[in-house]
Amino acid sequence: MNNAWRLLIDPPADGATNMARDEALLISHATGAIPPTLRLYRWQPACLSIGRFQRSNDIAQDVCAAQQIDVVRRPSGGRALLHADELTYTIVVNVNHPLFNEHQSILETYRHISLALQRGLKNLEAAVDLTPAKRKRSHGSAACFDAPASYELTVDGRKLVGSAQARRNGALMQHGAIPFTMQIDRLTMLFVQPPSQLGTQMTTLCEVTNHRHSFDQVAAALMTGFEANWGICFEPGTWTAVEQALVNELRQSRYAHTSWTSAR
């Protein structure tokens, strides 16, 4: 097994660019053009991302516009996330990778990734737990952090990491958000039906550790967690010209258009 993975640490970008980059990674890995990759990044300006199959009328678009918050539809499923003060990770890898030991279901690969994230977060003294598998997920509100799903990371039952996955031709792309801080009042007002229990259902890294970690500190902790848990090593990389062209195409044809965001 080749233990070398590519590492991308990107500067802050808008929502359309970030989602175009994540889908470009999935497409590129599915064709064998790039190795397994971990991408770490931020958002500028703040952005509300909604799930691939989520109804756009769940979102108070006028409030988002007034607050200068972008809205973008993800290539992955799940519910809405506000990306502001956080680190976001993306992993692309083949579902047949030896890491998964033939456990290739979405739930099992999700669990495997969560265990690596858990190890990384413990490097920051964040005592996170893995939510047990659930037979059926409750419908809940339109907000991702309203309730933890199977194998998500929580502290005292409150969700710390929100993740979602997409697959294509044997490759998987999972991305997720680790909020450093969160303005709950600001988040709830972005929904047509504000989730009433959000403040008691989610937490943040600052709250959990009682410390303000920098982006670089969290990135280093996560990288160490993945390397230790999976027996891999990261090699800093860059976007290829072909990947960048694909990012530009996806951004212009899909993610920057309201027709895509409002497709459902």
Foldseek 3Di string as FASTA:
>chain_A
DAQEEAEAEDEAEAPLLVQLLLVLVQVCVLVVNHAKYKYKYAYPPKEKEAEQPDALQQWPVVLCVVVVYHYWYHPWGAAIDIGHAWMKMKIKHFLPPVLQVPVRDPLSVLLLLLQLLCQLLVVLVQNKDFAAADPDDDPAGRYQQLADHHRAIDDPQAGQKGKTWDHDNRMIMMMIIGHQDDDLVSVQVGGPHRRPCNVVRHDHSCVRNVDRDDSVSSVVSSQVSCCVSRVHHYDYDDDDPVSVVSSVVSSVVETVDVCNSNVD
